[in-house]
Amino acid sequence: MNMTTAPKRPPQSRTGLTDTGVKKAADKSARTRAREFALQALYQHLVGRNQADAIDAFTRDLVGFHKADAVHFDALLHGCIEDADALDAAILPLLDRKMNEISPVEHAVLWIGAYEMQHCPDVPWRVILNECIELAKAFGGTDGHKWVNGVLNRLAPSLRPAEVASDKAR
């Protein structure tokens, strides 16, 4: 029996990225971790219609949560669920399809981006955009990050007009 072996992968470099281009866990900030846990929690809400308090309790027991910014996680989880209708209203006109046709992962990433642009003025809009693109790359479909990028780029001028104008002027 002639079995072929899978080609060996080269060892990962020490650049802070895995061989798939995702940040290594040790290199992630507490806010990045909070966004990842919030994305998973919002997914539970969108798919399972689970209540925020139950999701919150479950998520806090997950491995690695202690390294996340718990305050930012709280703001994202509870804020996105409480503001869901307003967030969807801001996002919907920018979509090329109906809301029920987007994946729950991309829906949650868009909520996070829109919520942070509205309620977290301490986070630059470009940081929010980049973080959401990375979330979509790590958890979403193959090209979902490109779509998320396009939607949030069109949303930013209405939510952060001065900041976006200042960036474009440079």
C-alpha atoms as a PDB file:
ATOM      1  CA  MET A   1       0.000   0.000   0.000  1.00  0.00           C
ATOM      2  CA  ASN A   2       1.508   3.269  -1.121  1.00  0.00           C
ATOM      3  CA  MET A   3       0.401   6.104   1.143  1.00  0.00           C
ATOM      4  CA  THR A   4       1.418   9.606   0.438  1.00  0.00           C
ATOM      5  CA  THR A   5       2.138  11.853   3.314  1.00  0.00           C
ATOM      6  CA  ALA A   6       0.838  15.352   3.574  1.00  0.00           C
ATOM      7  CA  PRO A   7       3.444  17.997   2.846  1.00  0.00           C
ATOM      8  CA  LYS A   8       4.989  19.436   5.958  1.00  0.00           C
ATOM      9  CA  ARG A   9       4.141  23.006   6.766  1.00  0.00           C
ATOM     10  CA  PRO A  10       6.999  25.360   7.405  1.00  0.00           C
ATOM     11  CA  PRO A  11       7.327  26.393  11.035  1.00  0.00           C
ATOM     12  CA  GLN A  12       5.372  29.485  11.990  1.00  0.00           C
ATOM     13  CA  SER A  13       7.310  32.692  12.050  1.00  0.00           C
ATOM     14  CA  ARG A  14       7.463  34.807  15.175  1.00  0.00           C
ATOM     15  CA  THR A  15       5.776  37.828  13.592  1.00  0.00           C
ATOM     16  CA  GLY A  16       2.719  37.657  15.833  1.00  0.00           C
ATOM     17  CA  LEU A  17       0.589  35.987  13.155  1.00  0.00           C
ATOM     18  CA  THR A  18      -0.315  32.338  12.676  1.00  0.00           C
ATOM     19  CA  ASP A  19       0.324  30.745   9.301  1.00  0.00           C
ATOM     20  CA  THR A  20      -3.247  31.693   8.323  1.00  0.00           C
ATOM     21  CA  GLY A  21      -2.581  35.370   9.002  1.00  0.00           C
ATOM     22  CA  VAL A  22      -4.588  35.580  12.237  1.00  0.00           C
ATOM     23  CA  LYS A  23      -3.052  37.230  15.296  1.00  0.00           C
ATOM     24  CA  LYS A  24      -1.602  34.819  17.799  1.00  0.00           C
ATOM     25  CA  ALA A  25      -3.576  34.685  21.033  1.00  0.00           C
ATOM     26  CA  ALA A  26      -0.692  36.089  23.082  1.00  0.00           C
ATOM     27  CA  ASP A  27      -0.559  39.182  20.876  1.00  0.00           C
ATOM     28  CA  LYS A  28      -4.221  40.151  21.201  1.00  0.00           C
ATOM     29  CA  SER A  29      -5.263  43.153  23.247  1.00  0.00           C
ATOM     30  CA  ALA A  30      -7.912  42.925  25.949  1.00  0.00           C
ATOM     31  CA  ARG A  31     -10.294  44.924  23.728  1.00  0.00           C
ATOM     32  CA  THR A  32      -9.701  42.605  20.770  1.00  0.00           C
ATOM     33  CA  ARG A  33     -10.516  39.655  23.023  1.00  0.00           C
ATOM     34  CA  ALA A  34     -13.638  41.470  24.276  1.00  0.00           C
ATOM     35  CA  ARG A  35     -14.804  41.899  20.669  1.00  0.00           C
ATOM     36  CA  GLU A  36     -14.206  38.203  19.953  1.00  0.00           C
ATOM     37  CA  PHE A  37     -16.214  37.120  22.997  1.00  0.00           C
ATOM     38  CA  ALA A  38     -18.922  39.684  22.158  1.00  0.00           C
ATOM     39  CA  LEU A  39     -19.126  38.311  18.613  1.00  0.00           C
ATOM     40  CA  GLN A  40     -19.618  34.786  19.941  1.00  0.00           C
ATOM     41  CA  ALA A  41     -22.207  36.020  22.433  1.00  0.00           C
ATOM     42  CA  LEU A  42     -24.108  38.031  19.820  1.00  0.00           C
ATOM     43  CA  TYR A  43     -24.085  34.986  17.563  1.00  0.00           C
ATOM     44  CA  GLN A  44     -25.841  33.069  20.354  1.00  0.00           C
ATOM     45  CA  HIS A  45     -28.409  35.831  20.553  1.00  0.00           C
ATOM     46  CA  LEU A  46     -29.001  36.000  16.795  1.00  0.00           C
ATOM     47  CA  VAL A  47     -29.142  32.247  16.197  1.00  0.00           C
ATOM     48  CA  GLY A  48     -30.530  30.875  19.444  1.00  0.00           C
ATOM     49  CA  ARG A  49     -32.480  33.935  20.590  1.00  0.00           C
ATOM     50  CA  ASN A  50     -30.847  33.426  23.982  1.00  0.00           C
ATOM     51  CA  GLN A  51     -31.292  36.183  26.558  1.00  0.00           C
ATOM     52  CA  ALA A  52     -28.425  38.591  27.202  1.00  0.00           C
ATOM     53  CA  ASP A  53     -28.014  37.673  30.882  1.00  0.00           C
ATOM     54  CA  ALA A  54     -27.781  33.951  30.153  1.00  0.00           C
ATOM     55  CA  ILE A  55     -25.313  34.555  27.323  1.00  0.00           C
ATOM     56  CA  ASP A  56     -23.286  36.865  29.549  1.00  0.00           C
ATOM     57  CA  ALA A  57     -23.019  34.277  32.342  1.00  0.00           C
ATOM     58  CA  PHE A  58     -22.099  31.514  29.884  1.00  0.00           C
ATOM     59  CA  THR A  59     -19.460  33.619  28.121  1.00  0.00           C
ATOM     60  CA  ARG A  60     -17.732  34.700  31.327  1.00  0.00           C
ATOM     61  CA  ASP A  61     -17.067  31.025  32.095  1.00  0.00           C
ATOM     62  CA  LEU A  62     -15.256  30.422  28.791  1.00  0.00           C
ATOM     63  CA  VAL A  63     -11.525  29.791  28.779  1.00  0.00           C
ATOM     64  CA  GLY A  64      -9.579  32.996  28.285  1.00  0.00           C
ATOM     65  CA  PHE A  65     -12.348  35.424  29.213  1.00  0.00           C
ATOM     66  CA  HIS A  66     -10.263  36.726  32.107  1.00  0.00           C
ATOM     67  CA  LYS A  67      -7.882  38.235  29.522  1.00  0.00           C
ATOM     68  CA  ALA A  68     -10.687  40.230  27.861  1.00  0.00           C
ATOM     69  CA  ASP A  69     -11.757  43.773  28.694  1.00  0.00           C
ATOM     70  CA  ALA A  70     -14.920  42.834  30.601  1.00  0.00           C
ATOM     71  CA  VAL A  71     -16.284  46.393  30.608  1.00  0.00           C
ATOM     72  CA  HIS A  72     -15.987  46.647  26.817  1.00  0.00           C
ATOM     73  CA  PHE A  73     -17.516  43.177  26.440  1.00  0.00           C
ATOM     74  CA  ASP A  74     -20.484  44.278  28.593  1.00  0.00           C
ATOM     75  CA  ALA A  75     -20.961  47.422  26.526  1.00  0.00           C
ATOM     76  CA  LEU A  76     -20.872  45.489  23.248  1.00  0.00           C
ATOM     77  CA  LEU A  77     -23.079  42.576  24.284  1.00  0.00           C
ATOM     78  CA  HIS A  78     -25.763  44.483  26.151  1.00  0.00           C
ATOM     79  CA  GLY A  79     -25.528  47.621  24.005  1.00  0.00           C
ATOM     80  CA  CYS A  80     -25.871  45.757  20.703  1.00  0.00           C
ATOM     81  CA  ILE A  81     -28.823  43.717  21.945  1.00  0.00           C
ATOM     82  CA  GLU A  82     -30.581  46.758  23.442  1.00  0.00           C
ATOM     83  CA  ASP A  83     -29.902  48.896  20.338  1.00  0.00           C
ATOM     84  CA  ALA A  84     -30.478  46.080  17.815  1.00  0.00           C
ATOM     85  CA  ASP A  85     -33.346  47.818  16.000  1.00  0.00           C
ATOM     86  CA  ALA A  86     -31.463  51.112  15.718  1.00  0.00           C
ATOM     87  CA  LEU A  87     -28.263  49.367  14.610  1.00  0.00           C
ATOM     88  CA  ASP A  88     -30.162  47.395  11.971  1.00  0.00           C
ATOM     89  CA  ALA A  89     -31.864  50.609  10.786  1.00  0.00           C
ATOM     90  CA  ALA A  90     -28.458  52.252  10.299  1.00  0.00           C
ATOM     91  CA  ILE A  91     -26.996  49.216   8.527  1.00  0.00           C
ATOM     92  CA  LEU A  92     -29.930  48.101   6.356  1.00  0.00           C
ATOM     93  CA  PRO A  93     -29.799  50.917   3.753  1.00  0.00           C
ATOM     94  CA  LEU A  94     -26.162  49.993   3.044  1.00  0.00           C
ATOM     95  CA  LEU A  95     -26.795  46.314   2.374  1.00  0.00           C
ATOM     96  CA  ASP A  96     -26.986  44.720  -1.049  1.00  0.00           C
ATOM     97  CA  ARG A  97     -29.391  42.082   0.270  1.00  0.00           C
ATOM     98  CA  LYS A  98     -32.072  41.632   2.896  1.00  0.00           C
ATOM     99  CA  MET A  99     -30.991  41.506   6.548  1.00  0.00           C
ATOM    100  CA  ASN A 100     -32.192  37.903   6.908  1.00  0.00           C
ATOM    101  CA  GLU A 101     -29.870  36.894   4.050  1.00  0.00           C
ATOM    102  CA  ILE A 102     -26.633  37.883   5.781  1.00  0.00           C
ATOM    103  CA  SER A 103     -24.828  35.393   7.982  1.00  0.00           C
ATOM    104  CA  PRO A 104     -25.269  35.768  11.739  1.00  0.00           C
ATOM    105  CA  VAL A 105     -21.500  36.232  12.076  1.00  0.00           C
ATOM    106  CA  GLU A 106     -21.436  39.147   9.639  1.00  0.00           C
ATOM    107  CA  HIS A 107     -24.596  40.576  11.203  1.00  0.00           C
ATOM    108  CA  ALA A 108     -22.955  40.513  14.656  1.00  0.00           C
ATOM    109  CA  VAL A 109     -19.726  42.044  13.289  1.00  0.00           C
ATOM    110  CA  LEU A 110     -21.738  44.867  11.709  1.00  0.00           C
ATOM    111  CA  TRP A 111     -23.544  45.436  15.012  1.00  0.00           C
ATOM    112  CA  ILE A 112     -20.202  45.648  16.827  1.00  0.00           C
ATOM    113  CA  GLY A 113     -18.814  48.107  14.270  1.00  0.00           C
ATOM    114  CA  ALA A 114     -21.900  50.297  14.233  1.00  0.00           C
ATOM    115  CA  TYR A 115     -22.219  50.230  18.027  1.00  0.00           C
ATOM    116  CA  GLU A 116     -18.585  51.189  18.590  1.00  0.00           C
ATOM    117  CA  MET A 117     -18.780  53.982  16.027  1.00  0.00           C
ATOM    118  CA  GLN A 118     -21.818  55.393  17.836  1.00  0.00           C
ATOM    119  CA  HIS A 119     -20.874  54.808  21.477  1.00  0.00           C
ATOM    120  CA  CYS A 120     -17.094  54.493  21.765  1.00  0.00           C
ATOM    121  CA  PRO A 121     -15.601  57.836  20.705  1.00  0.00           C
ATOM    122  CA  ASP A 122     -12.301  56.859  22.351  1.00  0.00           C
ATOM    123  CA  VAL A 123     -11.786  54.220  19.632  1.00  0.00           C
ATOM    124  CA  PRO A 124     -10.782  55.689  16.247  1.00  0.00           C
ATOM    125  CA  TRP A 125     -13.118  54.685  13.421  1.00  0.00           C
ATOM    126  CA  ARG A 126     -10.247  53.117  11.460  1.00  0.00           C
ATOM    127  CA  VAL A 127      -9.405  50.905  14.461  1.00  0.00           C
ATOM    128  CA  ILE A 128     -13.051  49.821  14.641  1.00  0.00           C
ATOM    129  CA  LEU A 129     -13.034  49.077  10.919  1.00  0.00           C
ATOM    130  CA  ASN A 130      -9.818  47.061  11.139  1.00  0.00           C
ATOM    131  CA  GLU A 131     -10.982  45.117  14.197  1.00  0.00           C
ATOM    132  CA  CYS A 132     -14.272  44.239  12.482  1.00  0.00           C
ATOM    133  CA  ILE A 133     -12.465  43.118   9.340  1.00  0.00           C
ATOM    134  CA  GLU A 134     -10.247  40.867  11.481  1.00  0.00           C
ATOM    135  CA  LEU A 135     -13.309  39.434  13.257  1.00  0.00           C
ATOM    136  CA  ALA A 136     -14.935  38.673   9.914  1.00  0.00           C
ATOM    137  CA  LYS A 137     -11.732  37.058   8.632  1.00  0.00           C
ATOM    138  CA  ALA A 138     -11.376  34.882  11.725  1.00  0.00           C
ATOM    139  CA  PHE A 139     -15.016  33.858  12.201  1.00  0.00           C
ATOM    140  CA  GLY A 140     -16.904  34.651   8.982  1.00  0.00           C
ATOM    141  CA  GLY A 141     -17.198  33.264   5.497  1.00  0.00           C
ATOM    142  CA  THR A 142     -14.471  33.295   2.872  1.00  0.00           C
ATOM    143  CA  ASP A 143     -14.926  36.849   1.589  1.00  0.00           C
ATOM    144  CA  GLY A 144     -17.176  38.141   4.358  1.00  0.00           C
ATOM    145  CA  HIS A 145     -14.471  40.509   5.565  1.00  0.00           C
ATOM    146  CA  LYS A 146     -14.504  42.361   2.228  1.00  0.00           C
ATOM    147  CA  TRP A 147     -18.261  42.818   2.450  1.00  0.00           C
ATOM    148  CA  VAL A 148     -18.070  43.960   6.103  1.00  0.00           C
ATOM    149  CA  ASN A 149     -15.345  46.423   5.098  1.00  0.00           C
ATOM    150  CA  GLY A 150     -17.543  47.889   2.378  1.00  0.00           C
ATOM    151  CA  VAL A 151     -20.600  48.272   4.603  1.00  0.00           C
ATOM    152  CA  LEU A 152     -18.731  49.810   7.546  1.00  0.00           C
ATOM    153  CA  ASN A 153     -16.770  52.134   5.239  1.00  0.00           C
ATOM    154  CA  ARG A 154     -20.088  53.490   3.937  1.00  0.00           C
ATOM    155  CA  LEU A 155     -21.520  53.710   7.460  1.00  0.00           C
ATOM    156  CA  ALA A 156     -18.599  55.586   9.036  1.00  0.00           C
ATOM    157  CA  PRO A 157     -19.233  59.004   7.409  1.00  0.00           C
ATOM    158  CA  SER A 158     -22.744  59.160   8.877  1.00  0.00           C
ATOM    159  CA  LEU A 159     -21.642  58.119  12.382  1.00  0.00           C
ATOM    160  CA  ARG A 160     -18.219  59.799  12.556  1.00  0.00           C
ATOM    161  CA  PRO A 161     -18.443  62.630   9.998  1.00  0.00           C
ATOM    162  CA  ALA A 162     -15.709  64.905  11.410  1.00  0.00           C
ATOM    163  CA  GLU A 163     -13.259  62.076  12.023  1.00  0.00           C
ATOM    164  CA  VAL A 164     -13.778  60.520   8.571  1.00  0.00           C
ATOM    165  CA  ALA A 165     -13.511  63.932   6.859  1.00  0.00           C
ATOM    166  CA  SER A 166     -10.313  64.688   8.769  1.00  0.00           C
ATOM    167  CA  ASP A 167      -8.801  61.356   7.712  1.00  0.00           C
ATOM    168  CA  LYS A 168      -9.745  61.842   4.078  1.00  0.00           C
ATOM    169  CA  ALA A 169      -8.277  65.370   4.086  1.00  0.00           C
ATOM    170  CA  ARG A 170      -4.867  63.995   5.069  1.00  0.00           C
END
